[in-house]
Amino acid sequence: MGFGVVTLGQFIIEKQADFPYAKGELSRLLRDIAIAAKIVNREINKAGLVDMIGHVGTTNIQGEKQKKLDVYADQQFIAALTSGGECCIIATEEEEEIIHIESPVSQNAKYIVCIDPMDGSSNTDVNVAVGTVFSIYRRKSLEGKASIKDVLQKGTEQVAAGYIIYGSSTMLVYTTGKGVNGFTLDPSIGEFCLSHPEMKIPESGITYSINEGNYVHFPEGVKQYIKYCQVEDESTERPYTSRYIGSMVGDIHRSLINGGIYIYPTTARSPEGKLRLLYECNPMAFIIEQAGGKASTGFERILEIQPTEVHQRVPIFIGSIRMVEKAEEMMLNGISRSDAVEAKLEGMGVIGGID
C-alpha cells in the first residue's frame, strides 16, 4: 500500500474517539457493511456473466418486482450484519417485517440498522450506477428484547448513515454526525481508501433531478419549480440542466459533488410519496445536512418526522440549500395558488354549493 493512503478501517479507528459511549461496536458495524459492499460490488461487476440480471419472479413488501441483485444484496448485508453481532435488529426494504437477530451476542447489541440493499436495481440491466443506502441507530430499550419502537426513531437520532455507489468506480460515503467523508474502492488491494475528505455540497447548482415523465401528476408547486428551472436567467445560471438516473444514490451523489437538487414528490399514484423514510430518506438527509445541504418534504425537515411504520413513505426535496429553499418557496406558492383557484371556482358555482 502506498505511503499516505488511509483505508476505511484506519479512518474509522482514528475517529472512534468521537464516540465516548462506543467501545468499538460501531466501528466494527461499519466495517461489516463495507465487507458486504465489496461482495455485492464483485457480483455487480460480473452480473451479466453469472446470470444476476433480471427478475426473480417475486415482489417485495412494496409490491415491486424483485431483481436478482435485490435478493442477492439483501442476503449479503443480512448475513454480514448477523454474523458481526453488533446489531440486534435489521429493517430492510426487501423484508415485510423487521429481522430480530437471535444470537445471544446480538440480542444485547446496541445498534439498529435500516438498509436499502440495492437502490435502482433496474439500472443493472443497462449497466448504469446503482447503490446501497444504510442508517444506524442506537437502541432505546435498555432491558429485554429490542422492539419495533427501537426502529421507529426520528432521523435526528441516527448515529451514522451512508451509501455505497457502484458505478465507474465504487465509493462508500458516510457520516457519523462529524462531517461527510468518501472512500473509493481500490480493487488492486481490496480496500476502500479515503478519496473525498470532508465533503461539502455547493450552496447552489445547475442541475435538477426529477422524473419529468410524471409531470402531469405533480403538485402545483413542483410544476412551478420545474418551470423556474427552465427559464433563461444569466444571474442564476438558468436554465438548469435536467439529469435523472433513476437511482436515488446516483442522482444525490452527483448533487453532493457538483451541487444540485433531487426531487421525488407526491403524485396522484403515490399521494404519500414513494421513497421510504427509514432506509432511504433519513440516511440521505443526514448525509446531505452534514455536508451543508438541506432535505425536506417540501414543507418540513425530513429528519424531524416521527416514523409510524417501517415502510413509511415520504416526498423528498434534497440537495443544495439554496435550491431546496427555492423549491420549498414554490411549494408554498403552489398551495396558495391552488386555494385561490378553488375559491374562484367555488364562487363561480363550479365546486361546492351544488346540489
Protein backbone atom coordinates (compact mmCIF):
# COMPACT_ATOMS: atom_id res chain seq x y z
CA MET A 1 0.00 0.00 0.00
CA GLY A 2 1.39 3.40 -0.97
CA PHE A 3 2.52 5.92 1.63
CA GLY A 4 -0.19 8.32 2.73
CA VAL A 5 -3.14 6.09 1.80
CA VAL A 6 -5.80 5.99 4.52
CA THR A 7 -8.11 2.99 4.42
CA LEU A 8 -11.68 2.98 5.70
CA GLY A 9 -10.67 0.70 8.57
CA GLN A 10 -7.85 3.02 9.65
CA PHE A 11 -10.08 6.07 9.37
CA ILE A 12 -12.86 4.52 11.47
CA ILE A 13 -10.43 3.54 14.23
CA GLU A 14 -8.93 7.06 14.26
CA LYS A 15 -12.39 8.60 14.59
CA GLN A 16 -13.61 6.18 17.27
CA ALA A 17 -12.71 8.71 19.96
CA ASP A 18 -15.60 10.87 18.69
CA PHE A 19 -17.99 8.42 20.35
CA PRO A 20 -17.40 8.29 24.10
CA TYR A 21 -20.27 5.82 24.53
CA ALA A 22 -18.89 3.42 21.91
CA LYS A 23 -16.47 0.60 22.66
CA GLY A 24 -15.66 -0.37 19.10
CA GLU A 25 -19.07 -1.82 18.18
CA LEU A 26 -19.97 1.00 15.79
CA SER A 27 -16.57 0.75 14.13
CA ARG A 28 -16.99 -3.00 13.63
CA LEU A 29 -20.54 -2.48 12.35
CA LEU A 30 -19.34 -0.05 9.69
CA ARG A 31 -16.62 -2.50 8.69
CA ASP A 32 -19.21 -5.30 8.39
CA ILE A 33 -21.21 -3.11 6.00
CA ALA A 34 -18.08 -2.36 3.98
CA ILE A 35 -17.27 -6.08 3.65
CA ALA A 36 -20.78 -6.86 2.36
CA ALA A 37 -20.46 -3.93 -0.07
CA LYS A 38 -17.30 -5.45 -1.53
CA ILE A 39 -19.07 -8.77 -2.08
CA VAL A 40 -22.05 -7.09 -3.73
CA ASN A 41 -19.72 -4.95 -5.86
CA ARG A 42 -17.99 -8.10 -7.11
CA GLU A 43 -21.31 -9.60 -8.25
CA ILE A 44 -22.46 -6.35 -9.87
CA ASN A 45 -19.25 -6.16 -11.88
CA LYS A 46 -19.82 -9.62 -13.33
CA ALA A 47 -23.64 -9.60 -13.26
CA GLY A 48 -24.06 -10.25 -16.97
CA LEU A 49 -21.68 -13.21 -16.78
CA VAL A 50 -23.28 -15.01 -13.83
CA ASP A 51 -26.98 -14.62 -14.62
CA MET A 52 -27.55 -11.92 -11.98
CA ILE A 53 -29.55 -9.66 -14.31
CA GLY A 54 -33.34 -9.71 -14.50
CA HIS A 55 -36.27 -10.51 -12.21
CA VAL A 56 -36.69 -13.45 -9.87
CA GLY A 57 -40.46 -13.59 -10.35
CA THR A 58 -41.35 -12.33 -6.87
CA THR A 59 -42.34 -8.99 -5.37
CA ASN A 60 -41.23 -7.30 -2.16
CA ILE A 61 -43.45 -5.75 0.52
CA GLN A 62 -43.66 -2.59 -1.61
CA GLY A 63 -45.31 -4.57 -4.41
CA GLU A 64 -42.25 -4.03 -6.59
CA LYS A 65 -40.78 -6.78 -8.76
CA GLN A 66 -37.60 -8.10 -7.19
CA LYS A 67 -34.46 -8.18 -9.25
CA LYS A 68 -31.95 -10.96 -8.73
CA LEU A 69 -29.48 -8.40 -7.41
CA ASP A 70 -32.11 -7.07 -4.96
CA VAL A 71 -32.38 -10.50 -3.39
CA TYR A 72 -28.63 -11.19 -3.52
CA ALA A 73 -27.68 -7.85 -1.94
CA ASP A 74 -30.35 -8.28 0.74
CA GLN A 75 -28.94 -11.70 1.63
CA GLN A 76 -25.36 -10.47 1.77
CA PHE A 77 -26.00 -7.49 4.01
CA ILE A 78 -28.22 -9.52 6.35
CA ALA A 79 -25.53 -12.22 6.55
CA ALA A 80 -22.77 -9.70 7.30
CA LEU A 81 -24.80 -7.84 9.93
CA THR A 82 -25.96 -11.10 11.54
CA SER A 83 -22.50 -12.64 11.79
CA GLY A 84 -20.95 -9.41 13.03
CA GLY A 85 -23.03 -9.41 16.20
CA GLU A 86 -23.11 -5.62 16.52
CA CYS A 87 -26.80 -5.01 15.76
CA CYS A 88 -29.94 -6.55 17.23
CA ILE A 89 -32.47 -5.60 14.53
CA ILE A 90 -32.28 -5.14 10.77
CA ALA A 91 -35.01 -3.33 8.83
CA THR A 92 -34.66 -3.79 5.08
CA GLU A 93 -36.68 -2.70 2.07
CA GLU A 94 -36.96 -6.27 0.84
CA GLU A 95 -38.48 -7.80 4.00
CA GLU A 96 -42.01 -7.21 5.27
CA GLU A 97 -41.12 -7.48 8.95
CA ILE A 98 -38.11 -6.30 10.92
CA ILE A 99 -35.48 -9.00 11.42
CA HIS A 100 -34.58 -9.83 15.02
CA ILE A 101 -31.09 -11.31 15.21
CA GLU A 102 -31.48 -14.14 17.68
CA SER A 103 -27.89 -14.99 18.58
CA PRO A 104 -27.05 -14.44 22.28
CA VAL A 105 -24.49 -11.76 21.41
CA SER A 106 -26.75 -9.86 19.02
CA GLN A 107 -29.75 -9.83 21.37
CA ASN A 108 -27.82 -7.47 23.65
CA ALA A 109 -26.29 -5.43 20.83
CA LYS A 110 -26.65 -1.64 20.93
CA TYR A 111 -27.49 -0.88 17.33
CA ILE A 112 -30.34 -0.99 14.81
CA VAL A 113 -29.62 -0.99 11.06
CA CYS A 114 -32.11 0.18 8.42
CA ILE A 115 -30.98 -0.57 4.87
CA ASP A 116 -31.97 -0.43 1.23
CA PRO A 117 -29.61 -3.13 -0.08
CA MET A 118 -29.95 -2.31 -3.78
CA ASP A 119 -31.24 1.10 -4.86
CA GLY A 120 -32.01 1.47 -8.56
CA SER A 121 -31.54 -2.24 -9.29
CA SER A 122 -33.33 -1.99 -12.67
CA ASN A 123 -30.31 0.01 -13.85
CA THR A 124 -28.08 -3.07 -13.71
CA ASP A 125 -29.80 -4.41 -16.83
CA VAL A 126 -28.44 -1.41 -18.74
CA ASN A 127 -25.12 -1.02 -16.87
CA VAL A 128 -25.98 2.22 -15.04
CA ALA A 129 -25.00 3.17 -11.47
CA VAL A 130 -26.83 1.56 -8.55
CA GLY A 131 -26.32 1.80 -4.81
CA THR A 132 -26.88 0.75 -1.21
CA VAL A 133 -28.21 3.10 1.48
CA PHE A 134 -27.92 2.43 5.22
CA SER A 135 -28.82 4.07 8.50
CA ILE A 136 -27.70 3.19 12.05
CA TYR A 137 -29.49 3.97 15.32
CA ARG A 138 -28.77 3.17 18.94
CA ARG A 139 -31.49 1.06 20.53
CA LYS A 140 -33.58 2.91 23.11
CA SER A 141 -34.73 -0.04 25.20
CA LEU A 142 -32.32 -0.86 27.99
CA GLU A 143 -33.72 -4.23 29.01
CA GLY A 144 -35.19 -7.24 27.27
CA LYS A 145 -35.60 -7.79 23.56
CA ALA A 146 -35.41 -4.81 21.23
CA SER A 147 -38.71 -3.99 19.55
CA ILE A 148 -40.29 -2.00 16.73
CA LYS A 149 -40.12 1.08 18.98
CA ASP A 150 -36.34 0.92 18.73
CA VAL A 151 -36.63 1.09 14.95
CA LEU A 152 -39.19 3.90 14.70
CA GLN A 153 -36.86 6.75 15.65
CA LYS A 154 -36.60 10.21 14.11
CA GLY A 155 -33.74 10.78 11.70
CA THR A 156 -32.19 13.20 14.18
CA GLU A 157 -31.40 10.12 16.33
CA GLN A 158 -29.14 8.50 13.71
CA VAL A 159 -25.61 7.81 14.89
CA ALA A 160 -24.35 7.02 11.39
CA ALA A 161 -25.59 6.84 7.82
CA GLY A 162 -24.06 6.21 4.47
CA TYR A 163 -24.36 4.94 0.94
CA ILE A 164 -22.33 2.88 -1.47
CA ILE A 165 -22.46 3.78 -5.14
CA TYR A 166 -21.48 1.05 -7.59
CA GLY A 167 -20.50 2.81 -10.80
CA SER A 168 -17.42 3.56 -12.89
CA SER A 169 -15.72 3.38 -9.51
CA THR A 170 -17.23 2.13 -6.27
CA MET A 171 -17.48 4.61 -3.41
CA LEU A 172 -18.62 4.43 0.19
CA VAL A 173 -19.74 7.78 1.62
CA TYR A 174 -20.73 8.05 5.26
CA THR A 175 -21.23 10.36 8.22
CA THR A 176 -21.33 9.90 11.97
CA GLY A 177 -22.51 13.46 12.57
CA LYS A 178 -18.99 14.84 12.29
CA GLY A 179 -18.95 15.74 8.61
CA VAL A 180 -19.01 13.56 5.50
CA ASN A 181 -16.15 11.52 4.05
CA GLY A 182 -15.93 9.46 0.88
CA PHE A 183 -13.85 6.33 0.22
CA THR A 184 -13.15 4.80 -3.17
CA LEU A 185 -12.64 1.07 -3.53
CA ASP A 186 -9.17 0.23 -4.84
CA PRO A 187 -9.67 -3.17 -6.48
CA SER A 188 -5.93 -3.84 -6.57
CA ILE A 189 -5.75 -4.01 -2.76
CA GLY A 190 -9.41 -4.68 -1.99
CA GLU A 191 -9.74 -1.69 0.32
CA PHE A 192 -11.88 1.44 0.48
CA CYS A 193 -9.40 4.34 0.57
CA LEU A 194 -10.09 7.93 1.64
CA SER A 195 -10.53 9.90 -1.59
CA HIS A 196 -13.02 12.64 -0.70
CA PRO A 197 -12.30 14.02 2.79
CA GLU A 198 -14.69 16.50 4.43
CA MET A 199 -17.18 16.58 1.57
CA LYS A 200 -19.25 19.76 1.17
CA ILE A 201 -22.17 20.25 -1.18
CA PRO A 202 -22.16 23.58 -3.07
CA GLU A 203 -24.81 26.05 -1.86
CA SER A 204 -26.35 26.01 -5.33
CA GLY A 205 -26.00 24.13 -8.58
CA ILE A 206 -27.20 23.98 -12.16
CA THR A 207 -28.76 20.51 -12.19
CA TYR A 208 -32.19 19.29 -11.13
CA SER A 209 -33.17 15.62 -10.93
CA ILE A 210 -36.80 14.57 -11.16
CA ASN A 211 -38.80 12.12 -13.26
CA GLU A 212 -40.48 14.68 -15.53
CA GLY A 213 -42.48 11.89 -17.17
CA ASN A 214 -44.82 12.23 -14.17
CA TYR A 215 -45.21 16.00 -14.66
CA VAL A 216 -49.00 15.99 -15.05
CA HIS A 217 -49.34 14.17 -11.72
CA PHE A 218 -47.08 16.55 -9.73
CA PRO A 219 -48.33 19.09 -7.16
CA GLU A 220 -48.65 22.67 -8.41
CA GLY A 221 -45.55 23.78 -6.50
CA VAL A 222 -43.35 21.18 -8.18
CA LYS A 223 -44.65 22.22 -11.61
CA GLN A 224 -43.79 25.83 -10.75
CA TYR A 225 -40.27 24.84 -9.72
CA ILE A 226 -39.66 22.87 -12.92
CA LYS A 227 -40.78 25.88 -14.97
CA TYR A 228 -38.47 28.08 -12.88
CA CYS A 229 -35.56 25.75 -13.65
CA GLN A 230 -36.25 26.03 -17.38
CA VAL A 231 -36.44 29.84 -17.61
CA GLU A 232 -33.40 31.60 -19.03
CA ASP A 233 -31.71 33.91 -16.49
CA GLU A 234 -27.95 34.58 -16.53
CA SER A 235 -27.80 35.79 -12.92
CA THR A 236 -28.87 32.38 -11.63
CA GLU A 237 -27.22 30.37 -14.45
CA ARG A 238 -30.60 29.18 -15.69
CA PRO A 239 -31.90 27.26 -17.47
CA TYR A 240 -30.68 24.41 -15.30
CA THR A 241 -29.75 21.03 -16.73
CA SER A 242 -32.13 18.13 -16.20
CA ARG A 243 -30.37 14.91 -15.16
CA TYR A 244 -32.27 11.87 -13.88
CA ILE A 245 -30.59 8.48 -13.50
CA GLY A 246 -33.43 6.62 -11.82
CA SER A 247 -31.19 5.69 -8.90
CA MET A 248 -31.54 7.90 -5.82
CA VAL A 249 -27.95 7.17 -4.83
CA GLY A 250 -26.60 8.13 -8.25
CA ASP A 251 -28.59 11.35 -8.53
CA ILE A 252 -27.84 12.53 -4.98
CA HIS A 253 -24.16 11.60 -5.27
CA ARG A 254 -23.89 13.86 -8.32
CA SER A 255 -25.58 16.68 -6.39
CA LEU A 256 -23.23 16.19 -3.43
CA ILE A 257 -20.20 16.52 -5.69
CA ASN A 258 -21.36 19.23 -8.11
CA GLY A 259 -24.38 20.85 -6.48
CA GLY A 260 -27.99 20.34 -7.50
CA ILE A 261 -31.37 19.19 -6.26
CA TYR A 262 -33.11 15.81 -6.27
CA ILE A 263 -36.90 15.75 -6.02
CA TYR A 264 -39.25 12.80 -5.58
CA PRO A 265 -42.60 14.43 -4.77
CA THR A 266 -46.06 13.11 -4.12
CA THR A 267 -48.05 12.16 -7.21
CA ALA A 268 -51.59 11.09 -7.92
CA ARG A 269 -50.38 7.48 -7.83
CA SER A 270 -48.23 7.95 -4.71
CA PRO A 271 -50.03 10.51 -2.52
CA GLU A 272 -47.65 9.82 0.39
CA GLY A 273 -44.56 9.89 -1.79
CA LYS A 274 -42.68 6.82 -2.98
CA LEU A 275 -39.31 6.74 -1.21
CA ARG A 276 -39.05 5.15 2.23
CA LEU A 277 -38.32 7.33 5.23
CA LEU A 278 -36.27 4.95 7.36
CA TYR A 279 -33.82 3.45 4.88
CA GLU A 280 -33.70 5.97 2.03
CA CYS A 281 -34.74 9.50 3.02
CA ASN A 282 -33.40 9.66 6.59
CA PRO A 283 -29.87 8.45 5.80
CA MET A 284 -29.58 10.63 2.71
CA ALA A 285 -30.93 13.64 4.60
CA PHE A 286 -28.38 13.09 7.40
CA ILE A 287 -25.52 12.91 4.89
CA ILE A 288 -26.60 15.96 2.90
CA GLU A 289 -27.22 18.09 6.00
CA GLN A 290 -23.80 17.13 7.36
CA ALA A 291 -22.34 18.26 4.02
CA GLY A 292 -24.08 21.65 4.30
CA GLY A 293 -27.20 20.95 2.25
CA LYS A 294 -30.87 20.58 3.07
CA ALA A 295 -33.56 17.90 2.93
CA SER A 296 -37.30 18.37 3.37
CA THR A 297 -40.69 17.11 2.29
CA GLY A 298 -41.24 20.47 0.65
CA PHE A 299 -42.72 21.73 3.91
CA GLU A 300 -40.87 20.14 6.83
CA ARG A 301 -37.42 18.83 7.67
CA ILE A 302 -37.07 15.14 6.83
CA LEU A 303 -35.03 14.33 9.94
CA GLU A 304 -37.74 15.63 12.28
CA ILE A 305 -40.51 13.33 11.01
CA GLN A 306 -41.64 10.78 13.59
CA PRO A 307 -41.91 7.40 11.81
CA THR A 308 -45.07 5.41 12.43
CA GLU A 309 -44.25 2.31 10.37
CA VAL A 310 -41.16 0.61 8.98
CA HIS A 311 -42.02 1.05 5.30
CA GLN A 312 -43.42 4.59 5.64
CA ARG A 313 -43.07 6.73 2.52
CA VAL A 314 -42.47 10.47 2.25
CA PRO A 315 -41.83 13.00 -0.53
CA ILE A 316 -38.31 14.44 -0.59
CA PHE A 317 -36.57 17.61 -1.81
CA ILE A 318 -32.84 17.25 -1.16
CA GLY A 319 -29.58 18.85 -2.22
CA SER A 320 -28.01 22.31 -2.36
CA ILE A 321 -29.53 24.53 0.30
CA ARG A 322 -30.49 27.45 -1.97
CA MET A 323 -32.16 25.17 -4.50
CA VAL A 324 -34.16 23.29 -1.85
CA GLU A 325 -35.25 26.55 -0.23
CA LYS A 326 -36.42 27.86 -3.61
CA ALA A 327 -38.40 24.68 -4.21
CA GLU A 328 -39.97 24.99 -0.74
CA GLU A 329 -40.98 28.55 -1.60
CA MET A 330 -42.64 27.27 -4.78
CA MET A 331 -44.46 24.56 -2.81
CA LEU A 332 -45.97 27.19 -0.51
CA ASN A 333 -46.88 29.31 -3.53
CA GLY A 334 -48.46 26.24 -5.10
CA ILE A 335 -50.72 25.74 -2.10
CA SER A 336 -51.75 29.40 -2.17
CA ARG A 337 -52.48 29.23 -5.88
CA SER A 338 -54.49 26.02 -5.50
CA ASP A 339 -56.55 27.58 -2.71
CA ALA A 340 -57.14 30.67 -4.81
CA VAL A 341 -58.26 28.62 -7.82
CA GLU A 342 -60.53 26.51 -5.64
CA ALA A 343 -62.07 29.63 -4.08
CA LYS A 344 -62.61 31.17 -7.52
CA LEU A 345 -64.26 28.00 -8.83
CA GLU A 346 -66.47 27.82 -5.76
CA GLY A 347 -67.51 31.45 -6.29
CA MET A 348 -68.44 30.57 -9.86
CA GLY A 349 -70.57 27.69 -8.57
CA VAL A 350 -68.26 25.12 -10.21
CA ILE A 351 -67.49 23.37 -6.90
CA GLY A 352 -69.30 23.49 -3.59
CA GLY A 353 -72.85 24.68 -3.09
CA ILE A 354 -74.07 22.48 -5.91
CA ASP A 355 -76.99 20.10 -5.27
